[in-house]
Protein backbone atom coordinates (compact mmCIF):
# COMPACT_ATOMS: atom_id res chain seq x y z
CA MET A 1 6.49 0.36 -10.15
CA THR A 2 3.51 2.60 -11.02
CA ALA A 3 5.73 5.67 -11.32
CA GLU A 4 8.32 4.02 -13.57
CA PHE A 5 5.59 2.42 -15.68
CA ALA A 6 3.67 5.69 -16.18
CA LEU A 7 6.79 7.66 -17.07
CA ALA A 8 7.86 4.98 -19.56
CA LEU A 9 4.43 5.07 -21.22
CA LEU A 10 4.66 8.86 -21.43
CA ALA A 11 8.08 8.60 -23.09
CA ARG A 12 6.57 6.28 -25.71
CA GLY A 13 3.95 8.86 -26.67
CA HIS A 14 0.95 7.78 -24.59
CA GLN A 15 -1.29 10.22 -22.71
CA VAL A 16 -1.15 9.06 -19.10
CA ALA A 17 -2.74 10.02 -15.79
CA ILE A 18 -2.58 8.26 -12.43
CA TYR A 19 -5.53 7.96 -10.04
CA ALA A 20 -4.98 6.73 -6.48
CA PRO A 21 -7.32 7.10 -3.48
CA ARG A 22 -4.37 8.25 -1.37
CA LEU A 23 -1.29 10.11 -2.53
CA GLY A 24 2.20 9.91 -1.05
CA ALA A 25 5.39 11.90 -1.49
CA LEU A 26 6.18 10.12 -4.77
CA ALA A 27 3.19 11.81 -6.42
CA GLU A 28 4.98 15.17 -6.52
CA THR A 29 8.02 13.63 -8.20
CA VAL A 30 5.89 11.93 -10.85
CA MET A 31 3.95 15.13 -11.54
CA ALA A 32 7.19 17.08 -11.84
CA ASN A 33 8.18 14.67 -14.61
CA GLY A 34 5.03 15.28 -16.62
CA VAL A 35 2.46 12.70 -15.48
CA PRO A 36 -0.61 14.14 -13.70
CA VAL A 37 -1.55 12.40 -10.45
CA THR A 38 -4.83 12.85 -8.59
CA ASP A 39 -6.88 11.40 -5.75
CA ARG A 40 -10.07 12.82 -7.26
CA ILE A 41 -11.30 10.75 -10.18
CA ASP A 42 -13.62 13.52 -11.39
CA THR A 43 -10.69 15.85 -12.11
CA ILE A 44 -9.35 13.69 -14.96
CA GLY A 45 -10.38 15.65 -18.04
CA PHE A 46 -10.00 13.02 -20.76
CA THR A 47 -11.59 9.63 -21.37
CA PRO A 48 -8.89 6.95 -21.42
CA ASP A 49 -8.88 4.27 -24.09
CA ILE A 50 -7.59 1.81 -21.50
CA ILE A 51 -7.92 1.73 -17.72
CA HIS A 52 -4.85 -0.12 -16.43
CA GLY A 53 -6.02 -1.23 -12.99
CA HIS A 54 -4.32 -2.78 -10.00
CA HIS A 55 -6.14 -2.55 -6.64
CA ASN A 56 -9.74 -3.52 -7.26
CA THR A 57 -11.18 -0.73 -5.11
CA ALA A 58 -9.49 2.05 -7.09
CA LEU A 59 -10.29 0.25 -10.34
CA ALA A 60 -13.97 0.08 -9.39
CA VAL A 61 -14.11 3.86 -9.09
CA ALA A 62 -12.38 4.31 -12.45
CA MET A 63 -14.77 1.89 -14.17
CA VAL A 64 -17.76 3.79 -12.81
CA ARG A 65 -16.27 7.14 -13.83
CA PHE A 66 -15.34 6.02 -17.37
CA PRO A 67 -18.02 3.54 -18.51
CA ALA A 68 -16.86 3.68 -22.16
CA SER A 69 -13.24 2.73 -21.43
CA ARG A 70 -11.83 -0.77 -21.87
CA VAL A 71 -10.02 -2.28 -18.91
CA LEU A 72 -6.96 -4.37 -18.04
CA PHE A 73 -6.54 -5.75 -14.50
CA VAL A 74 -3.19 -6.70 -12.95
CA CYS A 75 -2.86 -9.01 -9.94
CA HIS A 76 0.38 -8.34 -8.04
CA ASP A 77 -0.29 -10.54 -5.00
CA SER A 78 -1.62 -14.07 -4.67
CA ALA A 79 -3.36 -13.46 -1.33
CA MET A 80 -4.20 -9.80 -0.61
CA ALA A 81 -7.89 -8.85 -0.83
CA TYR A 82 -7.19 -5.78 -2.96
CA ASP A 83 -5.72 -8.02 -5.66
CA SER A 84 -8.86 -10.10 -6.05
CA PRO A 85 -10.01 -9.66 -9.66
CA ILE A 86 -13.14 -7.85 -10.75
CA ILE A 87 -14.98 -10.18 -13.12
CA ASP A 88 -16.59 -8.00 -15.77
CA ALA A 89 -16.99 -8.19 -19.54
CA ARG A 90 -15.30 -4.80 -19.97
CA ILE A 91 -12.03 -6.25 -18.70
CA GLY A 92 -10.29 -7.56 -21.79
CA ALA A 93 -7.17 -8.94 -20.10
CA TYR A 94 -6.23 -10.24 -16.67
CA VAL A 95 -2.50 -10.16 -15.92
CA GLY A 96 -0.60 -12.05 -13.24
CA VAL A 97 2.93 -10.92 -12.42
CA ASP A 98 3.93 -14.52 -11.62
CA GLN A 99 2.45 -17.99 -11.84
CA ALA A 100 0.91 -17.80 -8.37
CA CYS A 101 -0.98 -14.63 -9.29
CA ALA A 102 -2.08 -16.11 -12.63
CA ALA A 103 -3.40 -19.17 -10.79
CA ARG A 104 -5.35 -16.93 -8.42
CA LEU A 105 -6.98 -15.14 -11.36
CA LEU A 106 -8.12 -18.45 -12.82
CA VAL A 107 -9.46 -19.79 -9.52
CA GLU A 108 -11.36 -16.56 -8.80
CA GLY A 109 -13.24 -16.59 -12.09
CA ALA A 110 -11.20 -14.78 -14.73
CA PRO A 111 -11.65 -16.37 -18.19
CA ALA A 112 -8.66 -18.60 -18.94
CA ALA A 113 -8.33 -17.19 -22.47
CA HIS A 114 -7.92 -13.68 -21.06
CA ILE A 115 -5.23 -14.49 -18.46
CA HIS A 116 -1.68 -13.42 -19.32
CA LEU A 117 1.67 -13.59 -17.55
CA VAL A 118 3.67 -10.34 -17.55
CA PRO A 119 6.42 -10.29 -14.88
CA ASN A 120 7.24 -7.17 -12.93
CA ALA A 121 10.14 -5.34 -14.52
CA VAL A 122 13.25 -3.63 -13.23
CA ASP A 123 14.21 -0.14 -14.35
CA LEU A 124 17.75 -1.02 -15.42
CA ALA A 125 18.62 2.64 -15.90
CA ARG A 126 18.19 3.13 -12.13
CA PHE A 127 19.21 -0.28 -10.80
CA ARG A 128 22.57 -0.61 -12.56
CA CYS A 129 24.79 -3.62 -12.14
CA ARG A 130 28.08 -3.15 -10.29
CA THR A 131 31.38 -3.73 -12.04
CA THR A 132 33.12 -5.49 -9.16
CA PHE A 133 31.83 -8.25 -6.88
CA ALA A 134 33.19 -8.81 -3.37
CA ALA A 135 34.68 -12.25 -2.85
CA VAL A 136 33.40 -12.21 0.75
CA PRO A 137 30.25 -10.25 1.72
CA ARG A 138 31.04 -7.31 3.96
CA THR A 139 27.84 -5.22 3.90
CA ALA A 140 24.14 -6.08 4.05
CA LEU A 141 20.85 -4.27 3.46
CA ALA A 142 17.36 -5.32 4.60
CA VAL A 143 14.45 -3.94 2.55
CA THR A 144 11.18 -4.16 4.48
CA LYS A 145 7.54 -3.69 3.63
CA SER A 146 4.76 -2.96 6.13
CA ARG A 147 5.75 -5.76 8.52
CA ALA A 148 9.11 -7.41 9.13
CA PRO A 149 9.01 -10.04 11.90
CA TRP A 150 11.92 -11.72 10.11
CA LEU A 151 14.34 -8.90 10.96
CA ALA A 152 15.31 -10.34 14.34
CA ALA A 153 16.70 -13.50 12.72
CA VAL A 154 18.53 -11.47 10.07
CA ARG A 155 20.06 -9.17 12.69
CA THR A 156 21.32 -12.14 14.69
CA ALA A 157 22.84 -13.89 11.67
CA CYS A 158 24.52 -10.72 10.40
CA ALA A 159 25.92 -9.91 13.84
CA ASP A 160 27.30 -13.44 14.17
CA ALA A 161 28.92 -13.11 10.72
CA GLY A 162 30.36 -9.69 11.54
CA ILE A 163 28.44 -8.04 8.67
CA PRO A 164 27.00 -4.55 9.30
CA LEU A 165 23.27 -4.44 8.49
CA THR A 166 21.34 -1.41 7.25
CA GLU A 167 17.53 -1.50 7.45
CA VAL A 168 15.15 0.52 5.27
CA GLY A 169 11.45 0.53 4.47
CA PRO A 170 8.07 1.12 6.15
CA ALA A 171 8.47 -1.54 8.85
CA VAL A 172 11.44 0.33 10.34
CA ASP A 173 10.06 3.80 9.52
CA HIS A 174 13.03 4.53 7.26
CA SER A 175 12.03 5.40 3.71
CA VAL A 176 14.90 6.39 1.41
CA ALA A 177 15.14 8.05 -1.98
CA ASP A 178 18.44 6.41 -2.94
CA LEU A 179 17.49 2.74 -2.79
CA PRO A 180 19.22 1.85 -6.10
CA ASP A 181 22.52 3.24 -4.79
CA ARG A 182 22.13 1.46 -1.46
CA MET A 183 21.47 -1.85 -3.19
CA ALA A 184 24.45 -1.40 -5.50
CA ALA A 185 26.68 -0.69 -2.50
CA SER A 186 25.52 -3.76 -0.53
CA ASP A 187 27.02 -7.21 -0.95
CA ILE A 188 23.87 -8.89 0.43
CA VAL A 189 20.26 -7.69 0.20
CA PHE A 190 17.45 -9.30 2.19
CA ALA A 191 14.23 -8.71 0.26
CA TRP A 192 11.23 -10.23 -1.49
CA SER A 193 9.16 -9.69 -4.63
CA ARG A 194 10.06 -6.69 -6.81
CA SER A 195 12.66 -5.43 -4.31
CA ALA A 196 14.46 -8.76 -4.65
CA ALA A 197 14.51 -8.46 -8.45
CA GLU A 198 15.83 -4.90 -8.25
CA ALA A 199 18.56 -5.92 -5.82
CA ALA A 200 19.52 -8.85 -8.03
CA ALA A 201 19.86 -6.50 -11.00
CA THR A 202 22.51 -4.52 -9.11
CA GLY A 203 24.62 -7.65 -8.58
CA ALA A 204 23.88 -8.09 -4.89
CA SER A 205 23.55 -11.57 -3.44
CA VAL A 206 19.81 -11.70 -2.69
CA ILE A 207 18.43 -13.70 0.23
CA LEU A 208 14.66 -14.07 -0.08
CA CYS A 209 12.73 -13.45 3.12
CA ASP A 210 9.62 -11.65 4.25
CA GLU A 211 6.81 -11.99 6.77
CA PHE A 212 5.55 -14.97 4.75
CA GLY A 213 8.69 -17.08 5.13
CA PHE A 214 12.21 -17.78 3.93
CA GLY A 215 13.39 -18.66 0.42
CA GLY A 216 17.15 -18.78 0.86
CA LEU A 217 19.79 -17.47 -1.53
CA LEU A 218 18.53 -16.54 -5.00
CA THR A 219 20.44 -18.81 -7.36
CA VAL A 220 21.03 -18.97 -11.09
CA ALA A 221 18.53 -21.83 -11.34
CA ASP A 222 15.89 -19.73 -9.55
CA ALA A 223 16.42 -16.77 -11.86
CA GLN A 224 16.25 -18.95 -14.97
CA ASP A 225 12.88 -20.33 -13.84
CA TYR A 226 11.31 -16.88 -13.45
CA PRO A 227 8.45 -15.91 -13.66
CA ASP A 228 7.37 -19.15 -12.04
CA GLY A 229 7.15 -17.46 -8.66
CA THR A 230 10.88 -17.06 -8.05
CA PHE A 231 10.56 -13.76 -6.17
CA GLY A 232 7.09 -14.40 -4.73
CA ARG A 233 5.36 -16.32 -1.97
CA ARG A 234 5.73 -19.72 -3.62
CA VAL A 235 9.43 -19.68 -2.76
CA LEU A 236 9.01 -18.66 0.88
CA PRO A 237 8.03 -22.05 2.33
CA ASN A 238 10.20 -22.12 5.44
CA PRO A 239 10.37 -20.03 8.62
CA VAL A 240 13.05 -17.36 8.92
CA THR A 241 15.55 -18.49 11.56
CA PRO A 242 19.06 -17.26 12.43
CA GLU A 243 20.44 -20.65 11.39
CA ALA A 244 18.74 -20.56 7.97
CA VAL A 245 19.90 -17.00 7.34
CA ALA A 246 23.45 -17.88 8.42
CA ALA A 247 23.51 -20.79 5.96
CA ALA A 248 22.34 -18.51 3.14
CA ILE A 249 25.01 -15.94 4.00
CA ALA A 250 27.66 -18.67 3.91
CA ALA A 251 26.42 -19.73 0.46
CA CYS A 252 26.81 -16.26 -1.07
CA ASP A 253 29.04 -16.42 -4.13
CA PRO A 254 30.07 -13.50 -6.39
CA HIS A 255 29.91 -15.65 -9.53
CA ASN A 256 26.32 -16.64 -8.74
CA ALA A 257 25.40 -12.99 -8.10
CA ALA A 258 26.90 -11.86 -11.41
CA GLN A 259 25.06 -14.53 -13.39
CA VAL A 260 21.75 -13.79 -11.66
CA ALA A 261 22.18 -10.09 -12.45
CA ALA A 262 22.70 -10.90 -16.13
CA ILE A 263 19.58 -13.09 -16.23
CA VAL A 264 17.44 -10.42 -14.55
CA ALA A 265 18.67 -7.80 -17.02
CA ARG A 266 17.78 -10.08 -19.91
CA LYS A 267 14.37 -11.23 -18.70
CA LEU A 268 12.97 -8.31 -16.69
CA SER A 269 13.71 -5.12 -18.61
CA LEU A 270 11.19 -2.28 -18.33
CA ASP A 271 11.13 -1.84 -22.12
CA ASP A 272 10.06 -5.45 -22.63
CA MET A 273 7.31 -5.12 -20.04
CA ILE A 274 5.97 -1.94 -21.67
CA ALA A 275 5.96 -3.66 -25.07
CA SER A 276 3.99 -6.59 -23.63
CA TYR A 277 1.35 -4.28 -22.20
CA GLU A 278 1.13 -2.26 -25.42
CA THR A 279 0.38 -5.49 -27.28
CA LEU A 280 -2.37 -6.30 -24.78
CA TYR A 281 -3.82 -2.78 -25.11
CA GLU A 282 -4.00 -3.17 -28.90
CA THR A 283 -5.66 -6.57 -28.59
CA ILE A 284 -8.27 -5.26 -26.16
CA LEU A 285 -9.08 -2.21 -28.28
CA ALA A 286 -9.43 -4.35 -31.39
CA THR A 287 -12.31 -6.31 -29.86
CA ARG A 288 -15.88 -5.05 -29.74
CA MET A 289 -17.07 -3.36 -26.54
CA PRO A 290 -19.45 -5.76 -24.76
CA ASP A 291 -23.11 -4.77 -24.81
CA ALA A 292 -24.28 -5.15 -21.22
CA PRO A 293 -26.64 -2.30 -20.25
CA ALA A 294 -27.34 -3.80 -16.81
CA GLY A 295 -23.78 -4.92 -16.24
CA ILE A 296 -22.72 -2.06 -14.00
CA ALA A 297 -25.29 -2.97 -11.34
CA ALA A 298 -24.24 -6.62 -11.31
CA PHE A 299 -20.61 -5.52 -11.26
CA LEU A 300 -21.14 -3.43 -8.12
CA GLU A 301 -22.98 -6.29 -6.43
CA ARG A 302 -20.15 -8.72 -7.14
CA VAL A 303 -17.23 -6.52 -6.26
CA LEU A 304 -18.29 -4.49 -3.27
CA PRO A 305 -20.02 -6.67 -0.65
CA ARG A 306 -17.24 -5.80 1.81
CA PHE A 307 -18.40 -2.18 1.70
CA ASP A 308 -21.88 -3.14 2.92
CA LEU A 309 -23.64 -1.51 -0.03
CA PRO A 310 -27.28 -2.54 -0.60
CA PRO A 311 -27.57 -5.68 -2.75
CA ASP A 312 -30.40 -4.48 -5.00
CA LEU A 313 -28.57 -1.92 -7.13
CA HIS A 314 -30.03 -3.36 -10.32
CA ARG A 315 -33.67 -2.68 -9.37
CA THR A 316 -33.99 0.92 -10.49
CA GLY A 317 -31.82 3.42 -12.32
CA ALA A 318 -32.36 5.94 -9.54
CA ALA A 319 -31.04 3.52 -6.93
CA ILE A 320 -27.97 2.80 -9.07
CA GLU A 321 -27.19 6.50 -9.50
CA ALA A 322 -27.51 7.18 -5.77
CA ARG A 323 -25.20 4.30 -4.86
CA LEU A 324 -22.62 5.36 -7.45
CA ILE A 325 -22.30 8.68 -5.66
CA ARG A 326 -21.71 6.84 -2.41
CA LEU A 327 -19.30 4.45 -4.07
CA ASP A 328 -17.19 7.30 -5.44
CA ALA A 329 -16.96 8.89 -2.00
CA TRP A 330 -16.07 5.62 -0.24
CA LEU A 331 -13.54 4.28 -2.71
CA GLY A 332 -11.91 7.66 -3.07
CA GLY A 333 -10.67 7.25 0.48
CA ARG A 334 -13.63 9.09 1.98
CA ALA A 335 -16.30 6.83 3.53
CA ARG A 336 -19.48 5.02 2.75
CA LEU A 337 -22.46 7.30 3.32
CA GLU A 338 -25.37 5.66 5.06
CA ARG A 339 -28.86 6.80 5.89
CA LEU A 340 -28.19 5.92 9.51
CA MET A 341 -24.96 7.60 10.52
CA PRO A 342 -22.83 5.67 13.02
CA VAL A 343 -22.31 6.99 16.51
CA ALA A 344 -18.61 6.15 16.15
CA ILE A 345 -16.22 4.64 13.63
CA SER A 346 -13.51 2.26 14.77
CA PHE A 347 -10.04 1.58 13.39
CA THR A 348 -9.56 -2.00 14.52
CA ALA A 349 -8.24 -4.68 12.18
CA ALA A 350 -11.77 -5.82 11.28
CA SER A 351 -13.15 -2.33 10.68
CA ARG A 352 -14.51 -1.15 7.33
CA SER A 353 -13.30 2.38 8.18
CA LEU A 354 -9.60 1.70 7.61
CA GLY A 355 -9.91 3.24 4.14
CA LEU A 356 -10.19 6.63 5.84
CA LEU A 357 -6.60 6.39 7.09
CA GLY A 358 -3.98 8.09 4.97
CA GLU A 359 -0.21 8.24 5.37
CA GLY A 360 1.68 7.52 8.56
CA TRP A 361 -0.29 4.62 10.10
CA ALA A 362 0.83 1.09 10.89
CA ALA A 363 -1.26 -1.93 9.96
CA ALA A 364 -4.36 -2.10 12.15
CA GLU A 365 -4.41 -4.44 15.14
CA ASP A 366 -7.30 -5.86 17.17
CA TRP A 367 -7.46 -2.75 19.36
CA GLY A 368 -6.74 -0.08 16.69
CA CYS A 369 -3.59 1.28 15.05
CA TRP A 370 -0.42 3.24 15.83
CA THR A 371 1.03 6.22 14.05
CA ILE A 372 4.56 5.39 12.87
CA ALA A 373 5.53 8.66 11.18
CA PRO A 374 5.92 12.25 12.38
CA VAL A 375 2.67 13.11 10.58
CA ALA A 376 -0.36 10.86 10.04
CA THR A 377 -3.45 11.81 8.05
CA LEU A 378 -7.10 10.82 8.15
CA ASP A 379 -9.97 11.74 5.79
CA LEU A 380 -13.20 12.32 7.72
CA PRO A 381 -16.46 12.40 5.70
CA VAL A 382 -18.27 15.72 5.92
CA ALA A 383 -21.56 13.80 6.23
CA LEU A 384 -20.36 12.40 9.55
CA ILE A 385 -18.98 15.73 10.72
CA ALA A 386 -22.32 17.39 10.03
CA GLU A 387 -24.22 14.60 11.79
CA TRP A 388 -21.95 15.04 14.80
CA HIS A 389 -22.24 18.87 14.65
CA GLY A 390 -18.48 19.18 14.32
CA GLN A 391 -17.93 17.84 17.85
CA LEU A 392 -15.66 14.80 17.91
CA LYS A 393 -14.49 12.44 20.63
CA ILE A 394 -11.27 10.62 19.75
CA ARG A 395 -10.51 7.49 21.74
CA CYS A 396 -6.74 7.34 21.71
CA HIS A 397 -3.63 7.43 23.84
CA HIS A 398 0.08 8.06 23.34
CA TYR A 399 2.98 5.64 23.59
CA PHE A 400 5.24 6.05 26.64
CA PRO A 401 8.26 3.89 27.47
CA SER A 402 7.49 2.23 30.79
CA ALA A 403 10.63 3.61 32.44
CA GLU A 404 9.67 7.24 31.89
CA PRO A 405 8.77 9.37 34.93
CA ALA A 406 5.08 9.78 35.74
CA ASP A 407 5.18 13.51 35.02
CA THR A 408 6.39 13.03 31.41
CA VAL A 409 4.18 14.74 28.83
CA ARG A 410 4.05 13.89 25.11
CA SER A 411 1.99 16.04 22.77
CA VAL A 412 0.16 15.80 19.46
CA GLU A 413 -1.06 18.69 17.32
CA VAL A 414 -4.15 18.30 15.13
CA ARG A 415 -4.32 20.38 11.95
CA SER A 416 -6.47 20.74 8.86
CA ALA A 417 -5.96 22.94 5.80
CA GLY A 418 -2.99 24.56 7.52
CA ARG A 419 -4.97 25.48 10.64
CA LEU A 420 -4.03 24.35 14.14
CA LEU A 421 -7.21 22.86 15.59
CA ALA A 422 -5.95 21.41 18.86
CA ARG A 423 -2.93 20.38 20.88
CA TRP A 424 -3.37 17.30 23.01
CA ASP A 425 -1.04 16.78 25.97
CA PHE A 426 -0.80 13.17 27.13
CA HIS A 427 0.58 12.44 30.61
CA ARG A 428 2.55 9.33 31.52
CA ARG A 429 0.67 9.00 34.80
CA ASP A 430 -2.59 8.46 32.85
CA TYR A 431 -1.15 5.90 30.42
CA ALA A 432 -2.33 2.77 32.23
CA LYS A 433 -5.68 4.13 33.44
CA PRO A 434 -8.60 2.34 31.77
CA ASP A 435 -10.82 5.36 32.36
CA ARG A 436 -8.42 7.96 30.98
CA PRO A 437 -10.34 10.81 29.33
CA ALA A 438 -10.74 10.76 25.55
CA PRO A 439 -9.57 13.93 23.79
CA THR A 440 -12.21 15.99 22.02
CA LEU A 441 -11.93 18.04 18.86
CA ALA A 442 -14.19 20.88 17.74
CA LEU A 443 -14.19 21.45 13.98
CA PRO A 444 -15.16 25.03 13.08
CA ILE A 445 -18.16 25.09 10.76
CA SER A 446 -16.17 27.25 8.33
CA LEU A 447 -13.79 24.33 7.86
CA TRP A 448 -16.34 21.85 6.55
CA GLN A 449 -19.61 23.53 5.61
CA GLY A 450 -20.16 23.48 1.85
CA ILE A 451 -17.39 20.93 1.29
CA ASN A 452 -18.14 17.76 -0.65
CA GLY A 453 -16.61 14.44 0.31
CA ALA A 454 -14.24 14.74 3.26
CA ILE A 455 -11.80 16.97 5.07
CA ARG A 456 -8.29 15.83 5.88
CA LEU A 457 -7.06 15.89 9.45
CA SER A 458 -3.33 15.62 10.12
CA PHE A 459 -1.87 14.49 13.43
CA HIS A 460 1.62 15.83 14.16
CA MET A 461 3.65 13.82 16.69
CA LEU A 462 5.85 16.15 18.69
CA ALA A 463 7.63 13.38 20.63
CA PRO A 464 7.24 9.87 19.18
CA ALA A 465 9.35 7.11 20.71
CA SER A 466 10.76 3.74 19.66
CA PRO A 467 10.31 0.68 21.90
CA LEU A 468 13.63 -0.64 20.57
CA ALA A 469 15.46 2.55 21.51
CA ALA A 470 13.80 2.43 24.93
CA GLY A 471 15.00 -1.14 25.50
CA GLU A 472 11.46 -2.56 25.43
CA GLY A 473 11.67 -5.15 22.66
CA ASP A 474 12.72 -5.27 19.02
CA ASP A 475 10.13 -2.87 17.56
CA PRO A 476 12.14 -0.05 15.90
CA ARG A 477 9.09 2.01 14.87
CA ARG A 478 8.69 5.49 16.31
CA LEU A 479 5.26 5.19 17.88
CA GLY A 480 3.06 8.15 18.66
CA LEU A 481 -0.72 8.13 18.75
CA ALA A 482 -2.69 4.91 19.32
CA LEU A 483 -6.09 5.42 17.68
CA THR A 484 -9.08 3.22 18.52
CA SER A 485 -12.15 5.14 17.34
CA ILE A 486 -13.66 8.50 16.49
CA GLY A 487 -17.20 9.35 17.51
CA SER A 488 -19.59 12.11 18.32
CA ALA A 489 -19.07 14.35 21.33
CA ALA A 490 -22.38 16.09 20.61
CA PRO A 491 -25.82 15.06 21.93
CA SER A 492 -27.34 12.32 19.75
CA THR A 493 -29.82 13.33 17.08
CA SER A 494 -32.50 11.45 15.21
CA PRO A 495 -31.23 9.77 12.05
CA ASN A 496 -32.32 11.11 8.67
């Protein structure tokens, strides 16, 4: 939605730039259409009138960088930590995309008078409604996010109904550029949240399901009630089972789909959403900037305890300035800089270092995380590299199907700035050994000396494999490297 929103603002005469701690492939497309995109907040050369913020971590960096700008915060999720609101006098409006998100804003301290409801929109120029509706569904599409444990039930129900199922999205490692066309060509779409609204706009029969539960067939009554959580978690109260999915498939009706599409087009147009935000911008700018000279210190204390920053930022101006430098590095996808450098950084589910991971990684688990793309990136702080004298020990292994011969070798190349740094060969015979050696990586001093922030390492999987394809379960992801931690391979030194 960020890309469509920014381009629409640009078309209406606004000066727009996008800041994100990590950039994906979409950034190039947006830039090609005239909106600058950056992962370095200090490269933005103008002071915005309004900071339109979503994830609180990225918003925190922007608020530090532009202390004179007014702010609007949008909550897109009623549970995720990154959607927890920053409570600060500079934020003139708090927006929930549905009633559940608006309720979260209120419960977490946003002033009731500043909370607004602005539903997510659908770009109707891209997600066009079909002209004919199949009397009986013959094709189905599943749109996944990062996790999709519900897919097994959907696959079973579709197979029993004789309906071919196509799967797309991060959970199945299948990102596509033609999603609007795929939705318009599918009689049924299994989705949730904004993807469900987009599919409904094309005239597909939408069955609401996600890792959070099952909402059944999206009906005319549901669409008329929006934005009271129709596409969100409040309507996913039941488990996803083959029987429940089969009942929803049997209830699909072309007349219902056509009416839902008309309601979505009427209530969720991108133009209407832009107009709502422009009204909020004008209201915020018309009010006086709050006078809170010590507010930035209190703001950092409130928002960033998860980053383990010292709690006494308000004590001296010098301390505040020093921590702001560290904050910018950490929230920019780099790392928190500490006086005592860690001997190793882990990538388990509870780790604070997950912000260093870029593209190509699955959600972290208790032991670490898998790569699920041909290339995965990681930003390593130069401060750590220097402390470790450029000598790294990477605790990792590679996925091997259990039926593969013991002499099978799967390899990973490590690169940075276009340079091949190492090639690691993993052997099947070592896969189950608890004492298997950890690969090491020597970073040439010319690669990182004199660099501020971090350097980006990229891991290139030469032979990833899917457990599903290997007959070892229902996980369709193409797994490569399993990363647990990165530490120093150099002799320990005294901390600064």
